[in-house]
């Protein structure tokens, strides 16, 4: 259980660190990524970006 928590923490840290670079490449602005304002907050739901990054990670995992 602790191992999975460490893996999730490291993955979130890596995503947070790479977020500015991914935004410069166009991720986060793909069709299917939703941004809206509700309850005085900006909300972001990156559906298309999640699918694309999942496919890329799957291809990399298959090659390794």
Protein backbone atom coordinates (compact mmCIF):
# COMPACT_ATOMS: atom_id res chain seq x y z
CA UNK A 1 0.00 0.00 0.00
CA UNK A 2 2.79 2.44 0.88
CA UNK A 3 4.56 1.61 -2.38
CA UNK A 4 1.48 2.66 -4.39
CA UNK A 5 1.22 5.90 -2.44
CA UNK A 6 4.84 6.68 -3.26
CA UNK A 7 4.27 5.86 -6.95
CA UNK A 8 1.17 8.07 -7.13
CA UNK A 9 2.96 10.89 -5.32
CA UNK A 10 5.94 10.70 -7.69
CA UNK A 11 3.65 10.58 -10.74
CA UNK A 12 1.75 13.66 -9.58
CA UNK A 13 5.02 15.43 -8.86
CA UNK A 14 6.32 14.60 -12.34
CA UNK A 15 3.09 15.76 -13.99
CA UNK A 16 3.19 19.00 -12.03
CA UNK A 17 6.82 19.55 -13.01
CA UNK A 18 6.16 18.84 -16.71
CA UNK A 19 2.89 20.77 -16.87
CA UNK A 20 4.36 24.05 -18.26
CA UNK A 21 6.25 22.16 -20.97
CA UNK A 22 3.16 20.18 -21.92
CA UNK A 23 1.08 23.36 -22.14
CA UNK A 24 3.63 24.89 -24.54
CA UNK A 25 3.24 21.79 -26.74
CA UNK A 26 -0.54 22.31 -26.85
CA UNK A 27 -1.65 19.81 -24.24
CA UNK A 28 -4.46 21.21 -22.14
CA UNK A 29 -5.97 23.01 -25.11
CA UNK A 30 -7.01 19.98 -27.13
CA UNK A 31 -10.62 19.56 -28.28
CA UNK A 32 -12.21 17.66 -25.43
CA UNK A 33 -10.40 19.53 -22.66
CA UNK A 34 -12.94 21.53 -20.71
CA UNK A 35 -12.34 24.80 -18.87
CA UNK A 36 -15.18 26.56 -17.11
CA UNK A 37 -15.89 28.85 -14.22
CA UNK A 38 -18.29 27.73 -11.49
CA UNK A 39 -18.75 28.72 -7.87
CA UNK A 40 -16.11 31.43 -8.20
CA UNK A 41 -13.36 29.00 -9.26
CA UNK A 42 -11.80 28.00 -12.56
CA UNK A 43 -12.23 24.31 -13.26
CA UNK A 44 -10.20 22.29 -15.77
CA UNK A 45 -11.09 18.77 -16.93
CA UNK A 46 -8.43 17.49 -19.37
CA UNK A 47 -10.21 14.51 -20.95
CA UNK A 48 -8.50 14.55 -24.36
CA UNK A 49 -5.07 15.27 -22.90
CA UNK A 50 -5.45 12.36 -20.48
CA UNK A 51 -6.35 9.98 -23.30
CA UNK A 52 -3.45 11.12 -25.50
CA UNK A 53 -0.90 10.88 -22.68
CA UNK A 54 -2.26 7.45 -21.71
CA UNK A 55 -1.78 6.18 -25.25
CA UNK A 56 1.77 7.58 -25.37
CA UNK A 57 2.62 5.97 -22.02
CA UNK A 58 1.16 2.66 -23.23
CA UNK A 59 3.25 2.72 -26.40
CA UNK A 60 6.41 3.54 -24.44
CA UNK A 61 5.66 0.71 -21.97
CA UNK A 62 5.18 -1.77 -24.83
CA UNK A 63 8.51 -0.76 -26.39
CA UNK A 64 10.40 -1.20 -23.13
